[in-house]
C-alpha atoms as a PDB file:
ATOM      1  CA  MET A   1     106.688 159.043  -4.025  1.00  0.00           C
ATOM      2  CA  SER A   2     108.362 161.690  -6.158  1.00  0.00           C
ATOM      3  CA  ARG A   3     106.651 162.940  -9.299  1.00  0.00           C
ATOM      4  CA  ALA A   4     107.711 162.874 -12.912  1.00  0.00           C
ATOM      5  CA  LYS A   5     106.361 164.425 -16.075  1.00  0.00           C
ATOM      6  CA  GLY A   6     104.727 161.831 -18.262  1.00  0.00           C
ATOM      7  CA  PRO A   7     105.890 160.525 -21.637  1.00  0.00           C
ATOM      8  CA  SER A   8     104.501 161.883 -24.892  1.00  0.00           C
ATOM      9  CA  THR A   9     101.176 160.580 -26.157  1.00  0.00           C
ATOM     10  CA  GLU A  10     102.918 159.551 -29.391  1.00  0.00           C
ATOM     11  CA  ARG A  11     105.320 157.308 -27.476  1.00  0.00           C
ATOM     12  CA  ILE A  12     102.481 155.844 -25.408  1.00  0.00           C
ATOM     13  CA  SER A  13     100.494 155.046 -28.565  1.00  0.00           C
ATOM     14  CA  ALA A  14     103.523 153.379 -30.162  1.00  0.00           C
ATOM     15  CA  VAL A  15     104.086 151.111 -27.147  1.00  0.00           C
ATOM     16  CA  ALA A  16     100.369 150.400 -26.782  1.00  0.00           C
ATOM     17  CA  SER A  17     100.231 149.171 -30.387  1.00  0.00           C
ATOM     18  CA  ILE A  18     102.718 146.367 -29.662  1.00  0.00           C
ATOM     19  CA  ARG A  19     101.781 145.703 -26.042  1.00  0.00           C
ATOM     20  CA  LYS A  20      99.738 142.561 -26.684  1.00  0.00           C
ATOM     21  CA  GLU A  21     102.589 140.854 -28.525  1.00  0.00           C
ATOM     22  CA  LEU A  22     105.027 141.783 -25.763  1.00  0.00           C
ATOM     23  CA  ASP A  23     102.596 140.634 -23.061  1.00  0.00           C
ATOM     24  CA  ASP A  24     102.242 137.273 -24.815  1.00  0.00           C
ATOM     25  CA  ARG A  25     106.007 136.960 -25.019  1.00  0.00           C
ATOM     26  CA  VAL A  26     106.556 137.708 -21.320  1.00  0.00           C
ATOM     27  CA  GLY A  27     103.593 135.618 -20.183  1.00  0.00           C
ATOM     28  CA  SER A  28     104.976 132.574 -21.948  1.00  0.00           C
ATOM     29  CA  ARG A  29     108.136 132.583 -19.830  1.00  0.00           C
ATOM     30  CA  THR A  30     107.064 133.678 -16.359  1.00  0.00           C
ATOM     31  CA  GLU A  31     104.002 133.879 -14.116  1.00  0.00           C
ATOM     32  CA  ILE A  32     102.382 137.310 -14.288  1.00  0.00           C
ATOM     33  CA  LEU A  33      99.000 138.526 -13.059  1.00  0.00           C
ATOM     34  CA  GLY A  34      98.622 141.284 -15.633  1.00  0.00           C
ATOM     35  CA  SER A  35     100.162 144.472 -16.952  1.00  0.00           C
ATOM     36  CA  MET A  36      99.654 148.177 -17.603  1.00  0.00           C
ATOM     37  CA  LEU A  37     101.194 151.042 -19.519  1.00  0.00           C
ATOM     38  CA  GLY A  38     103.203 152.577 -16.701  1.00  0.00           C
ATOM     39  CA  ILE A  39     106.000 154.823 -15.527  1.00  0.00           C
ATOM     40  CA  LYS A  40     109.274 153.143 -14.593  1.00  0.00           C
ATOM     41  CA  ILE A  41     109.972 153.275 -10.849  1.00  0.00           C
ATOM     42  CA  ARG A  42     113.579 153.162  -9.638  1.00  0.00           C
ATOM     43  CA  GLY A  43     114.380 153.162  -5.949  1.00  0.00           C
ATOM     44  CA  GLY A  44     110.854 154.248  -5.073  1.00  0.00           C
ATOM     45  CA  LYS A  45     111.036 157.277  -7.381  1.00  0.00           C
ATOM     46  CA  LEU A  46     109.144 157.838 -10.598  1.00  0.00           C
ATOM     47  CA  THR A  47     111.233 158.378 -13.696  1.00  0.00           C
ATOM     48  CA  ARG A  48     110.126 159.958 -16.967  1.00  0.00           C
ATOM     49  CA  GLN A  49     110.493 156.625 -18.727  1.00  0.00           C
ATOM     50  CA  LEU A  50     107.516 154.809 -20.192  1.00  0.00           C
ATOM     51  CA  ALA A  51     107.377 151.111 -19.366  1.00  0.00           C
ATOM     52  CA  ILE A  52     105.151 148.108 -19.619  1.00  0.00           C
ATOM     53  CA  THR A  53     104.651 147.254 -15.958  1.00  0.00           C
ATOM     54  CA  TYR A  54     104.038 143.600 -15.117  1.00  0.00           C
ATOM     55  CA  PHE A  55     102.152 142.545 -11.998  1.00  0.00           C
ATOM     56  CA  VAL A  56     103.283 139.640  -9.811  1.00  0.00           C
ATOM     57  CA  ARG A  57     102.083 138.237  -6.484  1.00  0.00           C
ATOM     58  CA  GLU A  58     105.552 138.540  -4.975  1.00  0.00           C
ATOM     59  CA  LYS A  59     108.764 140.092  -6.237  1.00  0.00           C
ATOM     60  CA  ILE A  60     111.566 137.556  -6.062  1.00  0.00           C
ATOM     61  CA  PRO A  61     115.230 138.618  -6.301  1.00  0.00           C
ATOM     62  CA  LYS A  62     116.650 137.982  -9.752  1.00  0.00           C
ATOM     63  CA  SER A  63     119.408 135.881  -8.206  1.00  0.00           C
ATOM     64  CA  GLU A  64     116.753 133.383  -7.118  1.00  0.00           C
ATOM     65  CA  LEU A  65     115.163 133.114 -10.559  1.00  0.00           C
ATOM     66  CA  SER A  66     116.429 131.221 -13.550  1.00  0.00           C
ATOM     67  CA  PRO A  67     117.082 133.444 -16.588  1.00  0.00           C
ATOM     68  CA  ARG A  68     114.002 132.033 -18.289  1.00  0.00           C
ATOM     69  CA  LYS A  69     111.749 133.027 -15.376  1.00  0.00           C
ATOM     70  CA  ARG A  70     112.916 136.653 -15.279  1.00  0.00           C
ATOM     71  CA  VAL A  71     111.032 139.503 -16.901  1.00  0.00           C
ATOM     72  CA  PRO A  72     113.572 141.042 -19.316  1.00  0.00           C
ATOM     73  CA  MET A  73     114.638 144.597 -18.452  1.00  0.00           C
ATOM     74  CA  THR A  74     113.831 145.611 -22.030  1.00  0.00           C
ATOM     75  CA  LEU A  75     111.823 144.090 -24.852  1.00  0.00           C
ATOM     76  CA  ARG A  76     112.351 144.602 -28.572  1.00  0.00           C
ATOM     77  CA  MET A  77     109.721 144.502 -31.291  1.00  0.00           C
ATOM     78  CA  GLY A  78     111.042 145.546 -34.691  1.00  0.00           C
ATOM     79  CA  ASN A  79     112.785 148.887 -34.172  1.00  0.00           C
ATOM     80  CA  GLN A  80     110.940 149.542 -30.887  1.00  0.00           C
ATOM     81  CA  ILE A  81     112.753 148.963 -27.579  1.00  0.00           C
ATOM     82  CA  VAL A  82     110.444 149.001 -24.542  1.00  0.00           C
ATOM     83  CA  THR A  83     111.504 149.200 -20.898  1.00  0.00           C
ATOM     84  CA  THR A  84     109.762 146.889 -18.412  1.00  0.00           C
ATOM     85  CA  ASP A  85     109.008 147.137 -14.721  1.00  0.00           C
ATOM     86  CA  VAL A  86     107.731 144.619 -12.177  1.00  0.00           C
ATOM     87  CA  VAL A  87     105.496 145.465  -9.213  1.00  0.00           C
ATOM     88  CA  GLU A  88     103.557 143.434  -6.672  1.00  0.00           C
ATOM     89  CA  TRP A  89      99.819 143.686  -7.273  1.00  0.00           C
ATOM     90  CA  PRO A  90      97.903 143.782  -3.975  1.00  0.00           C
ATOM     91  CA  ARG A  91      94.358 142.685  -3.261  1.00  0.00           C
ATOM     92  CA  MET A  92      92.117 145.568  -4.327  1.00  0.00           C
ATOM     93  CA  ILE A  93      88.889 146.221  -2.433  1.00  0.00           C
ATOM     94  CA  GLU A  94      85.953 148.585  -2.858  1.00  0.00           C
ATOM     95  CA  GLN A  95      86.336 151.481  -0.446  1.00  0.00           C
ATOM     96  CA  TYR A  96      82.882 151.954   0.945  1.00  0.00           C
ATOM     97  CA  THR A  97      82.542 151.972   4.720  1.00  0.00           C
ATOM     98  CA  ALA A  98      80.128 151.134   7.524  1.00  0.00           C
ATOM     99  CA  THR A  99      80.614 154.512   9.232  1.00  0.00           C
ATOM    100  CA  PRO A 100      78.950 157.805   8.196  1.00  0.00           C
ATOM    101  CA  THR A 101      80.668 159.860   5.489  1.00  0.00           C
ATOM    102  CA  ILE A 102      78.495 161.716   3.012  1.00  0.00           C
ATOM    103  CA  ILE A 103      76.006 159.379   1.320  1.00  0.00           C
ATOM    104  CA  SER A 104      74.394 156.138   2.422  1.00  0.00           C
ATOM    105  CA  ASP A 105      72.233 153.519   0.741  1.00  0.00           C
ATOM    106  CA  GLY A 106      71.200 152.040   4.079  1.00  0.00           C
ATOM    107  CA  LYS A 107      73.969 149.450   4.036  1.00  0.00           C
ATOM    108  CA  THR A 108      77.195 151.123   2.930  1.00  0.00           C
ATOM    109  CA  GLN A 109      78.477 154.677   2.778  1.00  0.00           C
ATOM    110  CA  GLY A 110      80.614 156.435   0.213  1.00  0.00           C
ATOM    111  CA  THR A 111      81.266 159.852  -1.258  1.00  0.00           C
ATOM    112  CA  LEU A 112      79.202 162.051  -3.545  1.00  0.00           C
ATOM    113  CA  SER A 113      81.424 162.349  -6.643  1.00  0.00           C
ATOM    114  CA  CYS A 114      79.677 165.393  -8.116  1.00  0.00           C
ATOM    115  CA  PHE A 115      76.379 166.217  -9.775  1.00  0.00           C
ATOM    116  CA  ALA A 116      75.106 165.228 -13.197  1.00  0.00           C
ATOM    117  CA  SER A 117      72.917 167.133 -15.618  1.00  0.00           C
ATOM    118  CA  SER A 118      71.118 165.759 -18.657  1.00  0.00           C
ATOM    119  CA  ASP A 119      67.898 166.174 -20.615  1.00  0.00           C
ATOM    120  CA  ALA A 120      66.227 164.154 -17.842  1.00  0.00           C
ATOM    121  CA  GLY A 121      67.221 166.612 -15.096  1.00  0.00           C
ATOM    122  CA  VAL A 122      69.900 166.762 -12.407  1.00  0.00           C
ATOM    123  CA  PHE A 123      71.239 163.863 -10.322  1.00  0.00           C
ATOM    124  CA  GLY A 124      73.936 162.872  -7.888  1.00  0.00           C
ATOM    125  CA  ILE A 125      76.822 160.594  -8.963  1.00  0.00           C
ATOM    126  CA  SER A 126      78.743 158.039  -6.938  1.00  0.00           C
ATOM    127  CA  CYS A 127      80.102 154.514  -7.281  1.00  0.00           C
ATOM    128  CA  ALA A 128      77.424 151.926  -8.018  1.00  0.00           C
ATOM    129  CA  HIS A 129      78.639 149.775  -5.127  1.00  0.00           C
ATOM    130  CA  CYS A 130      77.658 152.613  -2.747  1.00  0.00           C
ATOM    131  CA  LEU A 131      74.100 152.750  -4.095  1.00  0.00           C
ATOM    132  CA  VAL A 132      72.904 149.138  -4.375  1.00  0.00           C
ATOM    133  CA  GLY A 133      71.028 149.165  -1.073  1.00  0.00           C
ATOM    134  CA  ALA A 134      70.460 146.538   1.589  1.00  0.00           C
ATOM    135  CA  ASP A 135      69.253 143.917  -0.913  1.00  0.00           C
ATOM    136  CA  GLY A 136      72.407 144.253  -3.036  1.00  0.00           C
ATOM    137  CA  ARG A 137      70.406 144.358  -6.265  1.00  0.00           C
ATOM    138  CA  PRO A 138      71.415 147.127  -8.699  1.00  0.00           C
ATOM    139  CA  ALA A 139      68.053 147.069 -10.498  1.00  0.00           C
ATOM    140  CA  THR A 140      66.068 147.829  -7.332  1.00  0.00           C
ATOM    141  CA  PRO A 141      65.511 151.549  -6.569  1.00  0.00           C
ATOM    142  CA  THR A 142      67.213 152.355  -3.266  1.00  0.00           C
ATOM    143  CA  GLU A 143      66.683 155.284  -0.930  1.00  0.00           C
ATOM    144  CA  VAL A 144      69.836 157.406  -0.627  1.00  0.00           C
ATOM    145  CA  ALA A 145      70.640 159.747   2.265  1.00  0.00           C
ATOM    146  CA  TYR A 146      73.403 162.280   2.809  1.00  0.00           C
ATOM    147  CA  PHE A 147      74.967 163.584   6.004  1.00  0.00           C
ATOM    148  CA  ALA A 148      74.206 167.296   6.392  1.00  0.00           C
ATOM    149  CA  ASP A 149      77.132 168.790   8.319  1.00  0.00           C
ATOM    150  CA  ASN A 150      75.213 171.943   9.233  1.00  0.00           C
ATOM    151  CA  GLN A 151      72.468 169.842  10.826  1.00  0.00           C
ATOM    152  CA  GLN A 152      74.632 166.964  12.024  1.00  0.00           C
ATOM    153  CA  ARG A 153      72.109 164.413  10.836  1.00  0.00           C
ATOM    154  CA  TRP A 154      71.202 162.214   7.903  1.00  0.00           C
ATOM    155  CA  VAL A 155      68.831 163.771   5.365  1.00  0.00           C
ATOM    156  CA  GLU A 156      66.948 162.051   2.538  1.00  0.00           C
ATOM    157  CA  ALA A 157      68.662 162.812  -0.763  1.00  0.00           C
ATOM    158  CA  GLY A 158      66.595 160.799  -3.242  1.00  0.00           C
ATOM    159  CA  GLU A 159      66.777 157.301  -4.672  1.00  0.00           C
ATOM    160  CA  SER A 160      68.997 155.396  -7.056  1.00  0.00           C
ATOM    161  CA  VAL A 161      67.797 155.525 -10.652  1.00  0.00           C
ATOM    162  CA  TYR A 162      70.570 153.800 -12.619  1.00  0.00           C
ATOM    163  CA  LEU A 163      73.607 151.709 -11.692  1.00  0.00           C
ATOM    164  CA  ALA A 164      76.277 150.343 -14.036  1.00  0.00           C
ATOM    165  CA  TYR A 165      78.714 147.512 -13.359  1.00  0.00           C
ATOM    166  CA  SER A 166      81.256 146.093 -15.819  1.00  0.00           C
ATOM    167  CA  ALA A 167      84.755 144.673 -15.464  1.00  0.00           C
ATOM    168  CA  GLY A 168      85.788 146.047 -18.882  1.00  0.00           C
ATOM    169  CA  ALA A 169      85.502 144.397 -22.263  1.00  0.00           C
ATOM    170  CA  GLY A 170      89.216 144.362 -23.014  1.00  0.00           C
ATOM    171  CA  LEU A 171      88.659 145.909 -26.423  1.00  0.00           C
ATOM    172  CA  ALA A 172      90.845 148.717 -27.711  1.00  0.00           C
ATOM    173  CA  GLY A 173      89.814 151.894 -25.949  1.00  0.00           C
ATOM    174  CA  ASN A 174      87.631 150.029 -23.432  1.00  0.00           C
ATOM    175  CA  TYR A 175      89.968 148.906 -20.670  1.00  0.00           C
ATOM    176  CA  GLY A 176      88.221 150.353 -17.678  1.00  0.00           C
ATOM    177  CA  TYR A 177      85.608 148.939 -15.393  1.00  0.00           C
ATOM    178  CA  LEU A 178      82.294 150.677 -14.877  1.00  0.00           C
ATOM    179  CA  ASP A 179      81.222 151.201 -11.282  1.00  0.00           C
ATOM    180  CA  CYS A 180      79.007 154.277 -11.300  1.00  0.00           C
ATOM    181  CA  GLY A 181      75.446 155.268 -10.638  1.00  0.00           C
ATOM    182  CA  LEU A 182      72.938 158.095 -10.538  1.00  0.00           C
ATOM    183  CA  PHE A 183      70.517 158.983  -7.772  1.00  0.00           C
ATOM    184  CA  SER A 184      67.642 161.465  -7.911  1.00  0.00           C
ATOM    185  CA  LEU A 185      67.693 164.663  -5.879  1.00  0.00           C
ATOM    186  CA  HIS A 186      64.611 165.119  -3.679  1.00  0.00           C
ATOM    187  CA  ASP A 187      66.460 167.418  -1.285  1.00  0.00           C
ATOM    188  CA  ALA A 188      66.089 171.120  -2.156  1.00  0.00           C
ATOM    189  CA  SER A 189      69.601 172.119  -1.094  1.00  0.00           C
ATOM    190  CA  LEU A 190      71.262 169.360  -3.127  1.00  0.00           C
ATOM    191  CA  GLU A 191      69.084 170.166  -6.146  1.00  0.00           C
ATOM    192  CA  ALA A 192      70.022 173.846  -5.884  1.00  0.00           C
ATOM    193  CA  ARG A 193      73.714 172.971  -5.707  1.00  0.00           C
ATOM    194  CA  ALA A 194      73.344 170.765  -8.779  1.00  0.00           C
ATOM    195  CA  ASN A 195      71.511 173.414 -10.816  1.00  0.00           C
ATOM    196  CA  SER A 196      74.011 176.141  -9.937  1.00  0.00           C
ATOM    197  CA  GLY A 197      77.088 173.942 -10.244  1.00  0.00           C
ATOM    198  CA  GLN A 198      79.799 174.668 -12.792  1.00  0.00           C
ATOM    199  CA  VAL A 199      80.079 172.238 -15.697  1.00  0.00           C
ATOM    200  CA  LEU A 200      83.353 170.369 -15.466  1.00  0.00           C
ATOM    201  CA  SER A 201      85.698 169.796 -18.368  1.00  0.00           C
ATOM    202  CA  VAL A 202      86.578 166.118 -18.609  1.00  0.00           C
ATOM    203  CA  VAL A 203      89.882 164.548 -19.671  1.00  0.00           C
ATOM    204  CA  SER A 204      88.966 162.488 -22.726  1.00  0.00           C
ATOM    205  CA  ASN A 205      92.387 160.930 -23.401  1.00  0.00           C
ATOM    206  CA  THR A 206      93.236 158.707 -20.432  1.00  0.00           C
ATOM    207  CA  ARG A 207      96.744 158.042 -21.729  1.00  0.00           C
ATOM    208  CA  SER A 208      97.543 161.754 -21.485  1.00  0.00           C
ATOM    209  CA  LEU A 209      97.238 161.438 -17.685  1.00  0.00           C
ATOM    210  CA  LEU A 210     100.178 159.043 -17.340  1.00  0.00           C
ATOM    211  CA  GLY A 211     102.725 160.586 -14.977  1.00  0.00           C
ATOM    212  CA  SER A 212     100.495 163.542 -14.065  1.00  0.00           C
ATOM    213  CA  ASN A 213      99.464 164.790 -10.621  1.00  0.00           C
ATOM    214  CA  LEU A 214      95.840 164.586  -9.473  1.00  0.00           C
ATOM    215  CA  VAL A 215      94.055 166.055  -6.458  1.00  0.00           C
ATOM    216  CA  ALA A 216      90.818 165.183  -4.675  1.00  0.00           C
ATOM    217  CA  VAL A 217      88.900 166.169  -1.570  1.00  0.00           C
ATOM    218  CA  SER A 218      88.014 163.394   0.863  1.00  0.00           C
ATOM    219  CA  ALA A 219      84.989 163.547   3.157  1.00  0.00           C
ATOM    220  CA  LEU A 220      87.030 161.772   5.827  1.00  0.00           C
ATOM    221  CA  ASN A 221      89.229 162.841   8.693  1.00  0.00           C
ATOM    222  CA  ALA A 222      92.022 160.399   7.974  1.00  0.00           C
ATOM    223  CA  PRO A 223      93.988 158.960  10.926  1.00  0.00           C
ATOM    224  CA  GLY A 224      97.081 161.103  11.528  1.00  0.00           C
ATOM    225  CA  SER A 225      95.915 163.896   9.232  1.00  0.00           C
ATOM    226  CA  THR A 226      93.431 166.777   9.425  1.00  0.00           C
ATOM    227  CA  ASN A 227      93.849 167.668   5.766  1.00  0.00           C
ATOM    228  CA  HIS A 228      90.955 166.567   3.532  1.00  0.00           C
ATOM    229  CA  TRP A 229      93.005 167.064   0.351  1.00  0.00           C
ATOM    230  CA  ARG A 230      94.435 163.956  -1.308  1.00  0.00           C
ATOM    231  CA  GLU A 231      97.235 163.970  -3.871  1.00  0.00           C
ATOM    232  CA  ALA A 232      98.258 161.209  -6.244  1.00  0.00           C
ATOM    233  CA  VAL A 233     100.414 160.449  -9.267  1.00  0.00           C
ATOM    234  CA  VAL A 234      99.079 158.419 -12.210  1.00  0.00           C
ATOM    235  CA  VAL A 235     101.573 155.541 -12.393  1.00  0.00           C
ATOM    236  CA  GLY A 236      99.691 153.427 -14.898  1.00  0.00           C
ATOM    237  CA  VAL A 237      96.888 153.377 -17.441  1.00  0.00           C
ATOM    238  CA  GLU A 238      94.939 150.581 -19.116  1.00  0.00           C
ATOM    239  CA  ALA A 239      95.839 148.085 -16.394  1.00  0.00           C
ATOM    240  CA  ASP A 240      94.724 144.473 -16.665  1.00  0.00           C
ATOM    241  CA  ALA A 241      95.218 142.426 -13.501  1.00  0.00           C
ATOM    242  CA  MET A 242      93.613 139.172 -12.390  1.00  0.00           C
ATOM    243  CA  GLY A 243      90.794 139.450 -14.920  1.00  0.00           C
ATOM    244  CA  GLU A 244      89.777 143.015 -14.051  1.00  0.00           C
ATOM    245  CA  ARG A 245      90.647 146.014 -16.178  1.00  0.00           C
ATOM    246  CA  CYS A 246      90.885 149.596 -15.002  1.00  0.00           C
ATOM    247  CA  ASP A 247      91.608 152.945 -16.597  1.00  0.00           C
ATOM    248  CA  LEU A 248      94.008 154.406 -14.023  1.00  0.00           C
ATOM    249  CA  VAL A 249      96.374 153.164 -11.333  1.00  0.00           C
ATOM    250  CA  LEU A 250      97.319 155.836  -8.792  1.00  0.00           C
ATOM    251  CA  ALA A 251     100.094 156.133  -6.224  1.00  0.00           C
ATOM    252  CA  VAL A 252      98.445 158.154  -3.447  1.00  0.00           C
ATOM    253  CA  GLU A 253     100.494 160.230  -1.043  1.00  0.00           C
ATOM    254  CA  PHE A 254     100.036 160.079   2.742  1.00  0.00           C
ATOM    255  CA  PRO A 255      97.545 159.497   4.301  1.00  0.00           C
ATOM    256  CA  GLY A 256      96.223 157.476   1.342  1.00  0.00           C
ATOM    257  CA  THR A 257      92.580 156.530   0.781  1.00  0.00           C
ATOM    258  CA  PHE A 258      90.172 154.810   3.132  1.00  0.00           C
ATOM    259  CA  HIS A 259      86.845 153.016   3.384  1.00  0.00           C
ATOM    260  CA  GLY A 260      84.355 155.779   2.624  1.00  0.00           C
ATOM    261  CA  ASP A 261      86.381 157.363  -0.183  1.00  0.00           C
ATOM    262  CA  SER A 262      84.627 155.338  -2.905  1.00  0.00           C
ATOM    263  CA  GLY A 263      83.185 157.897  -5.303  1.00  0.00           C
ATOM    264  CA  MET A 264      85.814 160.580  -4.600  1.00  0.00           C
ATOM    265  CA  LEU A 265      86.475 162.682  -7.729  1.00  0.00           C
ATOM    266  CA  TRP A 266      90.086 163.058  -8.907  1.00  0.00           C
ATOM    267  CA  LEU A 267      90.881 166.336 -10.680  1.00  0.00           C
ATOM    268  CA  THR A 268      93.861 167.499 -12.716  1.00  0.00           C
ATOM    269  CA  GLN A 269      95.923 170.472 -11.594  1.00  0.00           C
ATOM    270  CA  ASP A 270      93.889 172.723 -13.912  1.00  0.00           C
ATOM    271  CA  GLY A 271      90.547 171.488 -12.557  1.00  0.00           C
ATOM    272  CA  LYS A 272      89.465 168.944 -15.165  1.00  0.00           C
ATOM    273  CA  ALA A 273      87.638 165.785 -14.088  1.00  0.00           C
ATOM    274  CA  ALA A 274      90.035 162.870 -14.493  1.00  0.00           C
ATOM    275  CA  ALA A 275      88.605 159.868 -12.667  1.00  0.00           C
ATOM    276  CA  ILE A 276      86.351 158.535  -9.915  1.00  0.00           C
ATOM    277  CA  HIS A 277      87.997 156.574  -7.115  1.00  0.00           C
ATOM    278  CA  ALA A 278      86.578 153.124  -6.509  1.00  0.00           C
ATOM    279  CA  ARG A 279      89.142 150.673  -5.124  1.00  0.00           C
ATOM    280  CA  GLY A 280      92.274 150.633  -2.990  1.00  0.00           C
ATOM    281  CA  GLU A 281      94.780 148.050  -1.843  1.00  0.00           C
ATOM    282  CA  GLU A 282      93.789 146.218   1.317  1.00  0.00           C
ATOM    283  CA  ARG A 283      95.945 147.329   4.237  1.00  0.00           C
ATOM    284  CA  PRO A 284      95.820 146.388   7.932  1.00  0.00           C
ATOM    285  CA  GLY A 285      94.426 148.561  10.702  1.00  0.00           C
ATOM    286  CA  LEU A 286      94.126 152.291  10.071  1.00  0.00           C
ATOM    287  CA  GLN A 287      96.695 152.472   7.286  1.00  0.00           C
ATOM    288  CA  GLY A 288      95.439 154.180   4.148  1.00  0.00           C
ATOM    289  CA  SER A 289      95.677 152.584   0.710  1.00  0.00           C
ATOM    290  CA  ARG A 290      98.619 153.941  -1.251  1.00  0.00           C
ATOM    291  CA  LEU A 291      97.977 152.035  -4.501  1.00  0.00           C
ATOM    292  CA  THR A 292      94.475 152.549  -5.888  1.00  0.00           C
ATOM    293  CA  THR A 293      92.463 152.187  -9.067  1.00  0.00           C
ATOM    294  CA  ALA A 294      89.967 154.554 -10.650  1.00  0.00           C
ATOM    295  CA  MET A 295      87.580 154.712 -13.587  1.00  0.00           C
ATOM    296  CA  SER A 296      87.937 157.397 -16.214  1.00  0.00           C
ATOM    297  CA  ALA A 297      85.568 160.333 -15.792  1.00  0.00           C
ATOM    298  CA  ALA A 298      85.160 160.345 -19.566  1.00  0.00           C
ATOM    299  CA  ARG A 299      83.901 156.737 -19.419  1.00  0.00           C
ATOM    300  CA  VAL A 300      81.312 157.765 -16.814  1.00  0.00           C
ATOM    301  CA  VAL A 301      80.167 160.785 -18.839  1.00  0.00           C
ATOM    302  CA  ASP A 302      79.879 158.781 -22.059  1.00  0.00           C
ATOM    303  CA  HIS A 303      78.068 155.827 -20.496  1.00  0.00           C
ATOM    304  CA  LEU A 304      75.603 157.867 -18.450  1.00  0.00           C
ATOM    305  CA  ALA A 305      75.155 160.511 -21.189  1.00  0.00           C
ATOM    306  CA  ILE A 306      75.528 163.360 -18.711  1.00  0.00           C
ATOM    307  CA  GLN A 307      77.590 166.443 -17.942  1.00  0.00           C
ATOM    308  CA  MET A 308      79.480 166.619 -14.674  1.00  0.00           C
ATOM    309  CA  ARG A 309      78.806 169.585 -12.385  1.00  0.00           C
ATOM    310  CA  ILE A 310      80.546 170.626  -9.213  1.00  0.00           C
END
């Protein structure tokens, strides 16, 4: 998918302020699953145009819909004219895996996002759903291991100390889900990496990421690719679909994301922490997810009261 520079933050704020009224208007005339502040897509290419993107189970040709059932191409509220877009919203799944990647809680495996430092010490960060352990209970401390490439074996890393789950409250400024956790570092090499790691700057304004390019490093050898780098474009922010809210919606370039990428850290082009990958669209066989969702790195930092280190 081609890239486009994002709209101004002033324009995004203006549309966001009237989004609820427009959502109510559209929802009263057609069946939608949710919406997000997005970038208009035409012919598979991103434009520079801000839109309210509406999610549907299946896109039906306009010729087969009555005028009342169609999502209008534009919406007006006072002197504001807002472009709309319609996309199919797939089934999103957590992207842990049952094969070795980098960390394991004894049941699932995911990716070490980065390290965390606070007054309490240094820790590892990943998605909470990769750290719940065999009993599936977030409150139970769980032993965590990591795969040491230089030894080609699993090594004890520590144990989970705090896990946070939330689908998002839906309040202004609190769209995203929480799916993050900390684990202690009992391994000397991991602890040394954490203590010597560089503190990451974090993108605090999620809306400023709309239309921007992000990069990440996957722990996986993806089918058909030997490159561990992943690239994506932020096509939506503050998405609300099927009762779950998320900070960012990403269009990921080939090969996409896979089971085992949960926890992967997305960075901006200038090296700031943008988001942590958690979910991707369900696709058959070995095909990677091209549409994914992520939680804001700023939300993680604020909730866990930590600094990110890499």
